[in-house]
């Protein structure tokens, strides 16, 4: 990944973190689980997937127990890495399709 792409991914992550109300330390599933608003919760798990790529911890999404939350983590990670094989781990067909479509853009 070139420097410009890393910079854009980093800015995107910062934007997600600001929008969802996550702090910089919100990288554990338990932090996202505490969020009551479903949109914020899903955004938090998607941000966690993107942070997993930045941290080099690509197994972070696998640590999540609830499948819906895991799907959003894979969504963030798959989009950030532009990796169809990660999107294909998503069980929710709508979320998987959106992930694959975003990569194709």
Protein backbone atom coordinates (compact mmCIF):
# COMPACT_ATOMS: atom_id res chain seq x y z
CA UNK A 1 0.00 0.00 0.00
CA UNK A 2 1.50 3.33 -1.00
CA UNK A 3 1.84 6.33 1.30
CA UNK A 4 -1.10 8.23 -0.22
CA UNK A 5 -3.43 5.25 0.25
CA UNK A 6 -2.30 4.80 3.86
CA UNK A 7 -2.95 8.49 4.49
CA UNK A 8 -6.47 8.27 3.02
CA UNK A 9 -7.27 5.14 5.03
CA UNK A 10 -5.98 6.87 8.17
CA UNK A 11 -8.16 9.92 7.53
CA UNK A 12 -11.14 7.67 6.87
CA UNK A 13 -10.59 5.86 10.17
CA UNK A 14 -10.34 9.15 12.04
CA UNK A 15 -13.61 10.22 10.43
CA UNK A 16 -15.37 7.00 11.44
CA UNK A 17 -14.01 7.28 14.97
CA UNK A 18 -15.27 10.87 15.27
CA UNK A 19 -18.69 10.05 13.79
CA UNK A 20 -19.32 6.97 15.91
CA UNK A 21 -18.07 8.54 19.11
CA UNK A 22 -15.33 5.97 19.57
CA UNK A 23 -12.16 7.04 21.27
CA UNK A 24 -8.72 6.14 20.02
CA UNK A 25 -8.65 3.31 22.57
CA UNK A 26 -11.89 1.77 21.25
CA UNK A 27 -10.43 -1.26 19.57
CA UNK A 28 -11.89 -4.02 21.74
CA UNK A 29 -15.26 -5.65 21.04
CA UNK A 30 -16.37 -4.90 24.60
CA UNK A 31 -16.03 -1.15 23.93
CA UNK A 32 -18.31 -1.34 20.90
CA UNK A 33 -20.75 -3.64 22.75
CA UNK A 34 -21.45 -0.86 25.25
CA UNK A 35 -22.95 1.36 22.54
CA UNK A 36 -26.75 1.36 22.58
CA UNK A 37 -27.43 3.03 19.21
CA UNK A 38 -27.25 0.32 16.51
CA UNK A 39 -25.79 2.70 13.89
CA UNK A 40 -23.02 3.81 16.25
CA UNK A 41 -22.39 0.21 17.26
CA UNK A 42 -22.07 -0.98 13.63
CA UNK A 43 -19.83 2.00 12.82
CA UNK A 44 -17.66 1.17 15.81
CA UNK A 45 -17.19 -2.44 14.67
CA UNK A 46 -16.46 -1.27 11.10
CA UNK A 47 -13.88 1.17 12.50
CA UNK A 48 -12.42 -1.67 14.55
CA UNK A 49 -11.91 -3.64 11.33
CA UNK A 50 -10.10 -0.72 9.72
CA UNK A 51 -7.98 -0.24 12.83
CA UNK A 52 -7.10 -3.95 12.69
CA UNK A 53 -5.55 -3.34 9.27
CA UNK A 54 -3.58 -0.32 10.50
CA UNK A 55 -2.39 -2.22 13.59
CA UNK A 56 -1.48 -5.28 11.51
CA UNK A 57 -3.84 -7.45 13.59
CA UNK A 58 -5.92 -9.00 10.83
CA UNK A 59 -7.38 -11.61 13.20
CA UNK A 60 -9.08 -8.97 15.36
CA UNK A 61 -12.47 -9.48 13.66
CA UNK A 62 -12.28 -13.21 14.39
CA UNK A 63 -12.27 -12.40 18.13
CA UNK A 64 -15.81 -10.98 17.98
CA UNK A 65 -18.52 -13.40 19.18
CA UNK A 66 -21.75 -11.96 17.73
CA UNK A 67 -21.97 -12.62 13.97
CA UNK A 68 -23.61 -9.28 13.07
CA UNK A 69 -20.82 -7.39 14.80
CA UNK A 70 -18.19 -9.63 13.21
CA UNK A 71 -19.74 -8.90 9.79
CA UNK A 72 -19.31 -5.15 10.26
CA UNK A 73 -15.73 -5.63 11.38
CA UNK A 74 -15.04 -7.70 8.24
CA UNK A 75 -16.80 -4.99 6.23
CA UNK A 76 -14.42 -2.31 7.53
CA UNK A 77 -11.37 -4.53 7.14
CA UNK A 78 -12.34 -5.77 3.68
CA UNK A 79 -12.95 -2.25 2.39
CA UNK A 80 -9.76 -0.90 3.92
CA UNK A 81 -7.66 -3.68 2.42
CA UNK A 82 -9.71 -3.93 -0.79
CA UNK A 83 -9.76 -7.68 -0.25
CA UNK A 84 -12.72 -9.68 -1.61
CA UNK A 85 -11.77 -12.74 0.44
CA UNK A 86 -12.42 -10.76 3.63
CA UNK A 87 -15.77 -9.49 2.31
CA UNK A 88 -16.70 -13.09 1.51
CA UNK A 89 -16.40 -13.97 5.22
CA UNK A 90 -19.47 -11.77 5.85
CA UNK A 91 -22.58 -13.88 6.43
CA UNK A 92 -25.17 -11.10 6.00
CA UNK A 93 -25.70 -11.09 2.22
CA UNK A 94 -26.62 -7.37 2.05
CA UNK A 95 -23.51 -6.29 3.98
CA UNK A 96 -21.35 -8.68 1.93
CA UNK A 97 -22.74 -7.30 -1.34
CA UNK A 98 -22.10 -3.71 -0.22
CA UNK A 99 -18.53 -4.60 0.79
CA UNK A 100 -17.83 -6.24 -2.56
CA UNK A 101 -19.45 -3.34 -4.45
CA UNK A 102 -17.35 -0.75 -2.59
CA UNK A 103 -14.19 -2.65 -3.49
CA UNK A 104 -15.22 -2.74 -7.17
CA UNK A 105 -15.69 1.07 -7.31
